[in-house]
Amino acid sequence: KSSNGGNSWTNTGLKETRIISQIHVSRQNPNTIYAGAMGLP
């Protein structure tokens, strides 16, 4: 996650999933995020 347009980044979890396929940030509530994961292949 970056809070400054990509100038710096912080790992915000789901390390064990290994492959993130999709991320969706809610338009109604930006704190609600969905993430699809394929796991260690």
Full PDB file with SEQRES, HELIX, SHEET, SSBOND, CRYST1, ORIGX, SCALE, CONECT and MASTER records, all heavy atoms in Angstrom:
SEQRES   1 A   41  LYS SER SER ASN GLY GLY ASN SER TRP THR ASN THR GLY          
SEQRES   2 A   41  LEU LYS GLU THR ARG ILE ILE SER GLN ILE HIS VAL SER          
SEQRES   3 A   41  ARG GLN ASN PRO ASN THR ILE TYR ALA GLY ALA MET GLY          
SEQRES   4 A   41  LEU PRO                                                      
HELIX    1 AA1 LYS A   15  THR A   17  5                                   3    
SHEET    1 AA1 2 ILE A  20  VAL A  25  0                                        
SHEET    2 AA1 2 ILE A  33  ALA A  37 -1                                        
CRYST1    1.000    1.000    1.000  90.00  90.00  90.00 P 1           1          
ORIGX1      1.000000  0.000000  0.000000        0.00000                         
ORIGX2      0.000000  1.000000  0.000000        0.00000                         
ORIGX3      0.000000  0.000000  1.000000        0.00000                         
SCALE1      1.000000  0.000000  0.000000        0.00000                         
SCALE2      0.000000  1.000000  0.000000        0.00000                         
SCALE3      0.000000  0.000000  1.000000        0.00000                         
ATOM      1  N   LYS A   1       0.846  -1.200   0.000  1.00  0.00           N  
ATOM      2  CA  LYS A   1       0.000   0.000   0.000  1.00  0.00           C  
ATOM      3  C   LYS A   1       0.876   1.243   0.000  1.00  0.00           C  
ATOM      4  O   LYS A   1       1.863   1.328   0.721  1.00  0.00           O  
ATOM      5  CB  LYS A   1      -0.909   0.006   1.229  1.00  0.00           C  
ATOM      6  CG  LYS A   1      -1.831   1.218   1.337  1.00  0.00           C  
ATOM      7  CD  LYS A   1      -2.715   1.126   2.583  1.00  0.00           C  
ATOM      8  CE  LYS A   1      -3.675   2.285   2.700  1.00  0.00           C  
ATOM      9  NZ  LYS A   1      -4.552   2.172   3.900  1.00  0.00           N  
ATOM     10  N   SER A   2       0.510   2.184  -0.841  1.00  0.00           N  
ATOM     11  CA  SER A   2       1.170   3.490  -0.858  1.00  0.00           C  
ATOM     12  C   SER A   2       0.151   4.571  -0.538  1.00  0.00           C  
ATOM     13  O   SER A   2      -0.971   4.547  -1.053  1.00  0.00           O  
ATOM     14  CB  SER A   2       1.790   3.763  -2.233  1.00  0.00           C  
ATOM     15  OG  SER A   2       2.320   5.081  -2.291  1.00  0.00           O  
ATOM     16  N   SER A   3       0.531   5.494   0.305  1.00  0.00           N  
ATOM     17  CA  SER A   3      -0.348   6.621   0.654  1.00  0.00           C  
ATOM     18  C   SER A   3       0.123   7.921   0.029  1.00  0.00           C  
ATOM     19  O   SER A   3      -0.434   8.988   0.312  1.00  0.00           O  
ATOM     20  CB  SER A   3      -0.425   6.779   2.185  1.00  0.00           C  
ATOM     21  OG  SER A   3      -0.983   5.615   2.778  1.00  0.00           O  
ATOM     22  N   ASN A   4       1.144   7.837  -0.828  1.00  0.00           N  
ATOM     23  CA  ASN A   4       1.678   9.044  -1.459  1.00  0.00           C  
ATOM     24  C   ASN A   4       1.879   8.849  -2.960  1.00  0.00           C  
ATOM     25  O   ASN A   4       2.851   9.312  -3.542  1.00  0.00           O  
ATOM     26  CB  ASN A   4       2.995   9.465  -0.797  1.00  0.00           C  
ATOM     27  CG  ASN A   4       3.994   8.327  -0.711  1.00  0.00           C  
ATOM     28  OD1 ASN A   4       3.881   7.333  -1.432  1.00  0.00           O  
ATOM     29  ND2 ASN A   4       4.976   8.463   0.167  1.00  0.00           N  
ATOM     30  N   GLY A   5       0.938   8.159  -3.576  1.00  0.00           N  
ATOM     31  CA  GLY A   5       0.973   8.016  -5.025  1.00  0.00           C  
ATOM     32  C   GLY A   5       2.076   7.142  -5.562  1.00  0.00           C  
ATOM     33  O   GLY A   5       2.470   7.285  -6.722  1.00  0.00           O  
ATOM     34  N   GLY A   6       2.586   6.226  -4.734  1.00  0.00           N  
ATOM     35  CA  GLY A   6       3.614   5.300  -5.200  1.00  0.00           C  
ATOM     36  C   GLY A   6       5.030   5.695  -4.879  1.00  0.00           C  
ATOM     37  O   GLY A   6       5.974   4.994  -5.260  1.00  0.00           O  
ATOM     38  N   ASN A   7       5.230   6.802  -4.171  1.00  0.00           N  
ATOM     39  CA  ASN A   7       6.592   7.200  -3.808  1.00  0.00           C  
ATOM     40  C   ASN A   7       7.214   6.256  -2.788  1.00  0.00           C  
ATOM     41  O   ASN A   7       8.431   6.045  -2.784  1.00  0.00           O  
ATOM     42  CB  ASN A   7       6.602   8.631  -3.262  1.00  0.00           C  
ATOM     43  CG  ASN A   7       6.239   9.654  -4.327  1.00  0.00           C  
ATOM     44  OD1 ASN A   7       6.537   9.466  -5.504  1.00  0.00           O  
ATOM     45  ND2 ASN A   7       5.589  10.734  -3.922  1.00  0.00           N  
ATOM     46  N   SER A   8       6.398   5.681  -1.920  1.00  0.00           N  
ATOM     47  CA  SER A   8       6.868   4.700  -0.943  1.00  0.00           C  
ATOM     48  C   SER A   8       5.761   3.674  -0.729  1.00  0.00           C  
ATOM     49  O   SER A   8       4.581   3.963  -0.939  1.00  0.00           O  
ATOM     50  CB  SER A   8       7.266   5.374   0.379  1.00  0.00           C  
ATOM     51  OG  SER A   8       6.153   6.041   0.960  1.00  0.00           O  
ATOM     52  N   TRP A   9       6.179   2.468  -0.282  1.00  0.00           N  
ATOM     53  CA  TRP A   9       5.240   1.351  -0.157  1.00  0.00           C  
ATOM     54  C   TRP A   9       5.436   0.630   1.164  1.00  0.00           C  
ATOM     55  O   TRP A   9       6.552   0.518   1.671  1.00  0.00           O  
ATOM     56  CB  TRP A   9       5.444   0.356  -1.298  1.00  0.00           C  
ATOM     57  CG  TRP A   9       5.220   0.920  -2.669  1.00  0.00           C  
ATOM     58  CD1 TRP A   9       6.142   1.564  -3.449  1.00  0.00           C  
ATOM     59  CD2 TRP A   9       4.002   0.905  -3.412  1.00  0.00           C  
ATOM     60  NE1 TRP A   9       5.568   1.946  -4.643  1.00  0.00           N  
ATOM     61  CE2 TRP A   9       4.267   1.548  -4.653  1.00  0.00           C  
ATOM     62  CE3 TRP A   9       2.726   0.394  -3.180  1.00  0.00           C  
ATOM     63  CZ2 TRP A   9       3.292   1.704  -5.632  1.00  0.00           C  
ATOM     64  CZ3 TRP A   9       1.757   0.543  -4.153  1.00  0.00           C  
ATOM     65  CH2 TRP A   9       2.034   1.191  -5.355  1.00  0.00           C  
ATOM     66  N   THR A  10       4.322   0.133   1.698  1.00  0.00           N  
ATOM     67  CA  THR A  10       4.346  -0.661   2.929  1.00  0.00           C  
ATOM     68  C   THR A  10       3.577  -1.955   2.696  1.00  0.00           C  
ATOM     69  O   THR A  10       2.459  -1.932   2.154  1.00  0.00           O  
ATOM     70  CB  THR A  10       3.694   0.108   4.092  1.00  0.00           C  
ATOM     71  OG1 THR A  10       4.391   1.339   4.300  1.00  0.00           O  
ATOM     72  CG2 THR A  10       3.751  -0.718   5.377  1.00  0.00           C  
ATOM     73  N   ASN A  11       4.166  -3.078   3.093  1.00  0.00           N  
ATOM     74  CA  ASN A  11       3.466  -4.357   2.964  1.00  0.00           C  
ATOM     75  C   ASN A  11       2.301  -4.380   3.943  1.00  0.00           C  
ATOM     76  O   ASN A  11       2.465  -4.114   5.129  1.00  0.00           O  
ATOM     77  CB  ASN A  11       4.421  -5.519   3.245  1.00  0.00           C  
ATOM     78  CG  ASN A  11       3.799  -6.863   2.905  1.00  0.00           C  
ATOM     79  OD1 ASN A  11       2.862  -7.307   3.560  1.00  0.00           O  
ATOM     80  ND2 ASN A  11       4.318  -7.503   1.886  1.00  0.00           N  
ATOM     81  N   THR A  12       1.114  -4.696   3.442  1.00  0.00           N  
ATOM     82  CA  THR A  12      -0.086  -4.646   4.277  1.00  0.00           C  
ATOM     83  C   THR A  12      -0.752  -6.013   4.418  1.00  0.00           C  
ATOM     84  O   THR A  12      -1.940  -6.096   4.699  1.00  0.00           O  
ATOM     85  CB  THR A  12      -1.074  -3.602   3.719  1.00  0.00           C  
ATOM     86  OG1 THR A  12      -2.159  -3.424   4.621  1.00  0.00           O  
ATOM     87  CG2 THR A  12      -1.610  -4.023   2.370  1.00  0.00           C  
ATOM     88  N   GLY A  13       0.040  -7.080   4.232  1.00  0.00           N  
ATOM     89  CA  GLY A  13      -0.476  -8.406   4.558  1.00  0.00           C  
ATOM     90  C   GLY A  13      -0.664  -9.330   3.378  1.00  0.00           C  
ATOM     91  O   GLY A  13      -0.317  -9.018   2.238  1.00  0.00           O  
ATOM     92  N   LEU A  14      -1.199 -10.517   3.682  1.00  0.00           N  
ATOM     93  CA  LEU A  14      -1.476 -11.593   2.730  1.00  0.00           C  
ATOM     94  C   LEU A  14      -0.205 -12.144   2.088  1.00  0.00           C  
ATOM     95  O   LEU A  14      -0.221 -12.634   0.948  1.00  0.00           O  
ATOM     96  CB  LEU A  14      -2.457 -11.140   1.651  1.00  0.00           C  
ATOM     97  CG  LEU A  14      -3.852 -10.712   2.128  1.00  0.00           C  
ATOM     98  CD1 LEU A  14      -4.743 -10.395   0.925  1.00  0.00           C  
ATOM     99  CD2 LEU A  14      -4.497 -11.795   2.976  1.00  0.00           C  
ATOM    100  N   LYS A  15       0.894 -12.101   2.814  1.00  0.00           N  
ATOM    101  CA  LYS A  15       2.155 -12.604   2.278  1.00  0.00           C  
ATOM    102  C   LYS A  15       2.060 -14.072   1.899  1.00  0.00           C  
ATOM    103  O   LYS A  15       2.594 -14.513   0.878  1.00  0.00           O  
ATOM    104  CB  LYS A  15       3.270 -12.395   3.300  1.00  0.00           C  
ATOM    105  CG  LYS A  15       4.625 -12.930   2.850  1.00  0.00           C  
ATOM    106  CD  LYS A  15       5.704 -12.645   3.881  1.00  0.00           C  
ATOM    107  CE  LYS A  15       7.052 -13.181   3.416  1.00  0.00           C  
ATOM    108  NZ  LYS A  15       8.134 -12.887   4.394  1.00  0.00           N  
ATOM    109  N   GLU A  16       1.366 -14.866   2.720  1.00  0.00           N  
ATOM    110  CA  GLU A  16       1.326 -16.314   2.500  1.00  0.00           C  
ATOM    111  C   GLU A  16       0.543 -16.688   1.245  1.00  0.00           C  
ATOM    112  O   GLU A  16       0.687 -17.810   0.747  1.00  0.00           O  
ATOM    113  CB  GLU A  16       0.718 -17.013   3.714  1.00  0.00           C  
ATOM    114  CG  GLU A  16       1.563 -16.938   4.979  1.00  0.00           C  
ATOM    115  CD  GLU A  16       1.482 -15.576   5.664  1.00  0.00           C  
ATOM    116  OE1 GLU A  16       0.591 -14.781   5.280  1.00  0.00           O  
ATOM    117  OE2 GLU A  16       2.307 -15.305   6.561  1.00  0.00           O  
ATOM    118  N   THR A  17      -0.277 -15.798   0.727  1.00  0.00           N  
ATOM    119  CA  THR A  17      -1.069 -16.134  -0.457  1.00  0.00           C  
ATOM    120  C   THR A  17      -0.210 -16.216  -1.715  1.00  0.00           C  
ATOM    121  O   THR A  17      -0.614 -16.830  -2.703  1.00  0.00           O  
ATOM    122  CB  THR A  17      -2.187 -15.108  -0.682  1.00  0.00           C  
ATOM    123  OG1 THR A  17      -1.608 -13.820  -0.960  1.00  0.00           O  
ATOM    124  CG2 THR A  17      -3.086 -15.010   0.544  1.00  0.00           C  
ATOM    125  N   ARG A  18       0.908 -15.544  -1.743  1.00  0.00           N  
ATOM    126  CA  ARG A  18       1.941 -15.635  -2.773  1.00  0.00           C  
ATOM    127  C   ARG A  18       1.559 -15.092  -4.146  1.00  0.00           C  
ATOM    128  O   ARG A  18       2.411 -14.568  -4.847  1.00  0.00           O  
ATOM    129  CB  ARG A  18       2.429 -17.081  -2.914  1.00  0.00           C  
ATOM    130  CG  ARG A  18       3.134 -17.582  -1.667  1.00  0.00           C  
ATOM    131  CD  ARG A  18       4.320 -16.720  -1.333  1.00  0.00           C  
ATOM    132  NE  ARG A  18       4.861 -16.992  -0.002  1.00  0.00           N  
ATOM    133  CZ  ARG A  18       5.845 -16.296   0.547  1.00  0.00           C  
ATOM    134  NH1 ARG A  18       6.372 -15.287  -0.113  1.00  0.00           N  
ATOM    135  NH2 ARG A  18       6.280 -16.586   1.756  1.00  0.00           N  
ATOM    136  N   ILE A  19       0.299 -15.216  -4.558  1.00  0.00           N  
ATOM    137  CA  ILE A  19      -0.115 -14.649  -5.840  1.00  0.00           C  
ATOM    138  C   ILE A  19      -1.452 -13.932  -5.654  1.00  0.00           C  
ATOM    139  O   ILE A  19      -2.464 -14.561  -5.350  1.00  0.00           O  
ATOM    140  CB  ILE A  19      -0.253 -15.725  -6.929  1.00  0.00           C  
ATOM    141  CG1 ILE A  19       1.120 -16.306  -7.277  1.00  0.00           C  
ATOM    142  CG2 ILE A  19      -0.907 -15.148  -8.185  1.00  0.00           C  
ATOM    143  CD1 ILE A  19       1.075 -17.404  -8.319  1.00  0.00           C  
ATOM    144  N   ILE A  20      -1.429 -12.610  -5.813  1.00  0.00           N  
ATOM    145  CA  ILE A  20      -2.650 -11.800  -5.755  1.00  0.00           C  
ATOM    146  C   ILE A  20      -3.136 -11.590  -7.184  1.00  0.00           C  
ATOM    147  O   ILE A  20      -2.428 -11.019  -8.016  1.00  0.00           O  
ATOM    148  CB  ILE A  20      -2.385 -10.441  -5.073  1.00  0.00           C  
ATOM    149  CG1 ILE A  20      -1.887 -10.643  -3.642  1.00  0.00           C  
ATOM    150  CG2 ILE A  20      -3.648  -9.590  -5.094  1.00  0.00           C  
ATOM    151  CD1 ILE A  20      -2.883 -11.292  -2.722  1.00  0.00           C  
ATOM    152  N   SER A  21      -4.344 -12.046  -7.465  1.00  0.00           N  
ATOM    153  CA  SER A  21      -4.859 -11.964  -8.830  1.00  0.00           C  
ATOM    154  C   SER A  21      -5.621 -10.669  -9.095  1.00  0.00           C  
ATOM    155  O   SER A  21      -5.509 -10.088 -10.179  1.00  0.00           O  
ATOM    156  CB  SER A  21      -5.767 -13.156  -9.111  1.00  0.00           C  
ATOM    157  OG  SER A  21      -6.857 -13.185  -8.190  1.00  0.00           O  
ATOM    158  N   GLN A  22      -6.420 -10.225  -8.120  1.00  0.00           N  
ATOM    159  CA  GLN A  22      -7.255  -9.039  -8.310  1.00  0.00           C  
ATOM    160  C   GLN A  22      -7.403  -8.286  -6.988  1.00  0.00           C  
ATOM    161  O   GLN A  22      -7.457  -8.900  -5.914  1.00  0.00           O  
ATOM    162  CB  GLN A  22      -8.647  -9.430  -8.806  1.00  0.00           C  
ATOM    163  CG  GLN A  22      -8.695  -9.902 -10.248  1.00  0.00           C  
ATOM    164  CD  GLN A  22      -8.602  -8.748 -11.228  1.00  0.00           C  
ATOM    165  OE1 GLN A  22      -9.243  -7.706 -11.065  1.00  0.00           O  
ATOM    166  NE2 GLN A  22      -7.800  -8.925 -12.267  1.00  0.00           N  
ATOM    167  N   ILE A  23      -7.478  -6.952  -7.089  1.00  0.00           N  
ATOM    168  CA  ILE A  23      -7.758  -6.094  -5.941  1.00  0.00           C  
ATOM    169  C   ILE A  23      -8.904  -5.159  -6.324  1.00  0.00           C  
ATOM    170  O   ILE A  23      -8.904  -4.578  -7.411  1.00  0.00           O  
ATOM    171  CB  ILE A  23      -6.529  -5.261  -5.524  1.00  0.00           C  
ATOM    172  CG1 ILE A  23      -5.333  -6.163  -5.225  1.00  0.00           C  
ATOM    173  CG2 ILE A  23      -6.851  -4.381  -4.323  1.00  0.00           C  
ATOM    174  CD1 ILE A  23      -4.041  -5.399  -4.983  1.00  0.00           C  
ATOM    175  N   HIS A  24      -9.862  -5.024  -5.420  1.00  0.00           N  
ATOM    176  CA  HIS A  24     -10.964  -4.084  -5.666  1.00  0.00           C  
ATOM    177  C   HIS A  24     -11.172  -3.240  -4.416  1.00  0.00           C  
ATOM    178  O   HIS A  24     -11.343  -3.760  -3.313  1.00  0.00           O  
ATOM    179  CB  HIS A  24     -12.261  -4.813  -5.995  1.00  0.00           C  
ATOM    180  CG  HIS A  24     -13.415  -3.879  -6.222  1.00  0.00           C  
ATOM    181  ND1 HIS A  24     -13.679  -3.307  -7.450  1.00  0.00           N  
ATOM    182  CD2 HIS A  24     -14.342  -3.384  -5.361  1.00  0.00           C  
ATOM    183  CE1 HIS A  24     -14.729  -2.522  -7.343  1.00  0.00           C  
ATOM    184  NE2 HIS A  24     -15.154  -2.548  -6.090  1.00  0.00           N  
ATOM    185  N   VAL A  25     -11.168  -1.914  -4.605  1.00  0.00           N  
ATOM    186  CA  VAL A  25     -11.434  -0.970  -3.518  1.00  0.00           C  
ATOM    187  C   VAL A  25     -12.855  -0.449  -3.687  1.00  0.00           C  
ATOM    188  O   VAL A  25     -13.238   0.032  -4.763  1.00  0.00           O  
ATOM    189  CB  VAL A  25     -10.435   0.202  -3.535  1.00  0.00           C  
ATOM    190  CG1 VAL A  25     -10.684   1.136  -2.355  1.00  0.00           C  
ATOM    191  CG2 VAL A  25      -9.000  -0.306  -3.510  1.00  0.00           C  
ATOM    192  N   SER A  26     -13.648  -0.525  -2.633  1.00  0.00           N  
ATOM    193  CA  SER A  26     -15.055  -0.142  -2.698  1.00  0.00           C  
ATOM    194  C   SER A  26     -15.223   1.349  -2.989  1.00  0.00           C  
ATOM    195  O   SER A  26     -14.491   2.187  -2.450  1.00  0.00           O  
ATOM    196  CB  SER A  26     -15.747  -0.481  -1.368  1.00  0.00           C  
ATOM    197  OG  SER A  26     -17.024   0.104  -1.307  1.00  0.00           O  
ATOM    198  N   ARG A  27     -16.199   1.653  -3.825  1.00  0.00           N  
ATOM    199  CA  ARG A  27     -16.535   3.054  -4.095  1.00  0.00           C  
ATOM    200  C   ARG A  27     -17.363   3.655  -2.966  1.00  0.00           C  
ATOM    201  O   ARG A  27     -17.356   4.869  -2.765  1.00  0.00           O  
ATOM    202  CB  ARG A  27     -17.320   3.157  -5.408  1.00  0.00           C  
ATOM    203  CG  ARG A  27     -16.526   2.768  -6.643  1.00  0.00           C  
ATOM    204  CD  ARG A  27     -17.385   2.846  -7.897  1.00  0.00           C  
ATOM    205  NE  ARG A  27     -16.646   2.449  -9.088  1.00  0.00           N  
ATOM    206  CZ  ARG A  27     -15.909   3.270  -9.819  1.00  0.00           C  
ATOM    207  NH1 ARG A  27     -15.825   4.546  -9.481  1.00  0.00           N  
ATOM    208  NH2 ARG A  27     -15.270   2.836 -10.885  1.00  0.00           N  
ATOM    209  N   GLN A  28     -18.097   2.823  -2.236  1.00  0.00           N  
ATOM    210  CA  GLN A  28     -18.929   3.316  -1.148  1.00  0.00           C  
ATOM    211  C   GLN A  28     -18.133   3.509   0.142  1.00  0.00           C  
ATOM    212  O   GLN A  28     -18.364   4.456   0.889  1.00  0.00           O  
ATOM    213  CB  GLN A  28     -20.091   2.347  -0.877  1.00  0.00           C  
ATOM    214  CG  GLN A  28     -21.162   2.333  -1.953  1.00  0.00           C  
ATOM    215  CD  GLN A  28     -20.748   1.496  -3.153  1.00  0.00           C  
ATOM    216  OE1 GLN A  28     -20.286   0.371  -2.991  1.00  0.00           O  
ATOM    217  NE2 GLN A  28     -20.904   2.025  -4.348  1.00  0.00           N  
ATOM    218  N   ASN A  29     -17.171   2.608   0.385  1.00  0.00           N  
ATOM    219  CA  ASN A  29     -16.367   2.668   1.599  1.00  0.00           C  
ATOM    220  C   ASN A  29     -14.944   2.254   1.262  1.00  0.00           C  
ATOM    221  O   ASN A  29     -14.650   1.064   1.130  1.00  0.00           O  
ATOM    222  CB  ASN A  29     -16.942   1.750   2.677  1.00  0.00           C  
ATOM    223  CG  ASN A  29     -16.167   1.832   3.979  1.00  0.00           C  
ATOM    224  OD1 ASN A  29     -15.160   2.537   4.083  1.00  0.00           O  
ATOM    225  ND2 ASN A  29     -16.624   1.112   4.990  1.00  0.00           N  
ATOM    226  N   PRO A  30     -14.025   3.198   1.098  1.00  0.00           N  
ATOM    227  CA  PRO A  30     -12.668   2.856   0.649  1.00  0.00           C  
ATOM    228  C   PRO A  30     -11.887   1.986   1.626  1.00  0.00           C  
ATOM    229  O   PRO A  30     -10.845   1.445   1.255  1.00  0.00           O  
ATOM    230  CB  PRO A  30     -12.009   4.230   0.478  1.00  0.00           C  
ATOM    231  CG  PRO A  30     -12.802   5.153   1.338  1.00  0.00           C  
ATOM    232  CD  PRO A  30     -14.204   4.653   1.307  1.00  0.00           C  
ATOM    233  N   ASN A  31     -12.362   1.843   2.837  1.00  0.00           N  
ATOM    234  CA  ASN A  31     -11.705   0.935   3.771  1.00  0.00           C  
ATOM    235  C   ASN A  31     -12.044  -0.522   3.491  1.00  0.00           C  
ATOM    236  O   ASN A  31     -11.409  -1.428   4.043  1.00  0.00           O  
ATOM    237  CB  ASN A  31     -12.089   1.275   5.217  1.00  0.00           C  
ATOM    238  CG  ASN A  31     -11.393   2.521   5.707  1.00  0.00           C  
ATOM    239  OD1 ASN A  31     -10.228   2.756   5.408  1.00  0.00           O  
ATOM    240  ND2 ASN A  31     -12.117   3.357   6.451  1.00  0.00           N  
ATOM    241  N   THR A  32     -13.056  -0.757   2.646  1.00  0.00           N  
ATOM    242  CA  THR A  32     -13.440  -2.113   2.277  1.00  0.00           C  
ATOM    243  C   THR A  32     -12.703  -2.507   1.002  1.00  0.00           C  
ATOM    244  O   THR A  32     -12.866  -1.867  -0.045  1.00  0.00           O  
ATOM    245  CB  THR A  32     -14.954  -2.223   2.055  1.00  0.00           C  
ATOM    246  OG1 THR A  32     -15.633  -1.904   3.280  1.00  0.00           O  
ATOM    247  CG2 THR A  32     -15.329  -3.630   1.624  1.00  0.00           C  
ATOM    248  N   ILE A  33     -11.902  -3.553   1.103  1.00  0.00           N  
ATOM    249  CA  ILE A  33     -11.072  -3.999  -0.018  1.00  0.00           C  
ATOM    250  C   ILE A  33     -11.249  -5.506  -0.185  1.00  0.00           C  
ATOM    251  O   ILE A  33     -11.253  -6.255   0.802  1.00  0.00           O  
ATOM    252  CB  ILE A  33      -9.584  -3.683   0.224  1.00  0.00           C  
ATOM    253  CG1 ILE A  33      -9.402  -2.205   0.569  1.00  0.00           C  
ATOM    254  CG2 ILE A  33      -8.738  -4.058  -0.980  1.00  0.00           C  
ATOM    255  CD1 ILE A  33      -8.051  -1.878   1.130  1.00  0.00           C  
ATOM    256  N   TYR A  34     -11.389  -5.944  -1.428  1.00  0.00           N  
ATOM    257  CA  TYR A  34     -11.444  -7.368  -1.745  1.00  0.00           C  
ATOM    258  C   TYR A  34     -10.188  -7.741  -2.521  1.00  0.00           C  
ATOM    259  O   TYR A  34      -9.730  -6.974  -3.391  1.00  0.00           O  
ATOM    260  CB  TYR A  34     -12.683  -7.694  -2.581  1.00  0.00           C  
ATOM    261  CG  TYR A  34     -13.997  -7.414  -1.876  1.00  0.00           C  
ATOM    262  CD1 TYR A  34     -14.744  -6.272  -2.182  1.00  0.00           C  
ATOM    263  CD2 TYR A  34     -14.487  -8.289  -0.916  1.00  0.00           C  
ATOM    264  CE1 TYR A  34     -15.952  -6.010  -1.550  1.00  0.00           C  
ATOM    265  CE2 TYR A  34     -15.692  -8.034  -0.276  1.00  0.00           C  
ATOM    266  CZ  TYR A  34     -16.412  -6.903  -0.591  1.00  0.00           C  
ATOM    267  OH  TYR A  34     -17.615  -6.646   0.044  1.00  0.00           O  
ATOM    268  N   ALA A  35      -9.645  -8.920  -2.229  1.00  0.00           N  
ATOM    269  CA  ALA A  35      -8.438  -9.378  -2.915  1.00  0.00           C  
ATOM    270  C   ALA A  35      -8.546 -10.866  -3.219  1.00  0.00           C  
ATOM    271  O   ALA A  35      -8.792 -11.675  -2.320  1.00  0.00           O  
ATOM    272  CB  ALA A  35      -7.192  -9.108  -2.072  1.00  0.00           C  
ATOM    273  N   GLY A  36      -8.384 -11.219  -4.490  1.00  0.00           N  
ATOM    274  CA  GLY A  36      -8.362 -12.619  -4.887  1.00  0.00           C  
ATOM    275  C   GLY A  36      -6.950 -13.159  -4.834  1.00  0.00           C  
ATOM    276  O   GLY A  36      -5.986 -12.455  -5.160  1.00  0.00           O  
ATOM    277  N   ALA A  37      -6.800 -14.418  -4.420  1.00  0.00           N  
ATOM    278  CA  ALA A  37      -5.476 -15.015  -4.270  1.00  0.00           C  
ATOM    279  C   ALA A  37      -5.468 -16.438  -4.819  1.00  0.00           C  
ATOM    280  O   ALA A  37      -6.409 -17.200  -4.616  1.00  0.00           O  
ATOM    281  CB  ALA A  37      -5.050 -15.016  -2.801  1.00  0.00           C  
ATOM    282  N   MET A  38      -4.372 -16.775  -5.511  1.00  0.00           N  
ATOM    283  CA  MET A  38      -4.207 -18.118  -6.070  1.00  0.00           C  
ATOM    284  C   MET A  38      -3.355 -19.017  -5.188  1.00  0.00           C  
ATOM    285  O   MET A  38      -3.287 -20.225  -5.410  1.00  0.00           O  
ATOM    286  CB  MET A  38      -3.590 -18.021  -7.465  1.00  0.00           C  
ATOM    287  CG  MET A  38      -4.541 -17.503  -8.529  1.00  0.00           C  
ATOM    288  SD  MET A  38      -6.004 -18.555  -8.738  1.00  0.00           S  
ATOM    289  CE  MET A  38      -5.249 -20.085  -9.268  1.00  0.00           C  
ATOM    290  N   GLY A  39      -2.663 -18.461  -4.195  1.00  0.00           N  
ATOM    291  CA  GLY A  39      -1.838 -19.275  -3.312  1.00  0.00           C  
ATOM    292  C   GLY A  39      -0.516 -19.671  -3.947  1.00  0.00           C  
ATOM    293  O   GLY A  39      -0.218 -19.346  -5.097  1.00  0.00           O  
ATOM    294  N   LEU A  40       0.305 -20.384  -3.201  1.00  0.00           N  
ATOM    295  CA  LEU A  40       1.577 -20.883  -3.712  1.00  0.00           C  
ATOM    296  C   LEU A  40       1.299 -21.882  -4.825  1.00  0.00           C  
ATOM    297  O   LEU A  40       0.650 -22.903  -4.595  1.00  0.00           O  
ATOM    298  CB  LEU A  40       2.372 -21.539  -2.582  1.00  0.00           C  
ATOM    299  CG  LEU A  40       3.781 -22.005  -2.933  1.00  0.00           C  
ATOM    300  CD1 LEU A  40       4.695 -20.821  -3.172  1.00  0.00           C  
ATOM    301  CD2 LEU A  40       4.345 -22.903  -1.838  1.00  0.00           C  
ATOM    302  N   PRO A  41       1.770 -21.634  -6.051  1.00  0.00           N  
ATOM    303  CA  PRO A  41       1.356 -22.472  -7.175  1.00  0.00           C  
ATOM    304  C   PRO A  41       2.030 -23.834  -7.225  1.00  0.00           C  
ATOM    305  O   PRO A  41       1.578 -24.710  -7.962  1.00  0.00           O  
ATOM    306  CB  PRO A  41       1.771 -21.634  -8.394  1.00  0.00           C  
ATOM    307  CG  PRO A  41       2.934 -20.830  -7.916  1.00  0.00           C  
ATOM    308  CD  PRO A  41       2.633 -20.516  -6.476  1.00  0.00           C  
TER     309      PRO A  41                                                      
MASTER        0    0    0    1    2    0    0    6  308    1    0    4          
END                                                                             
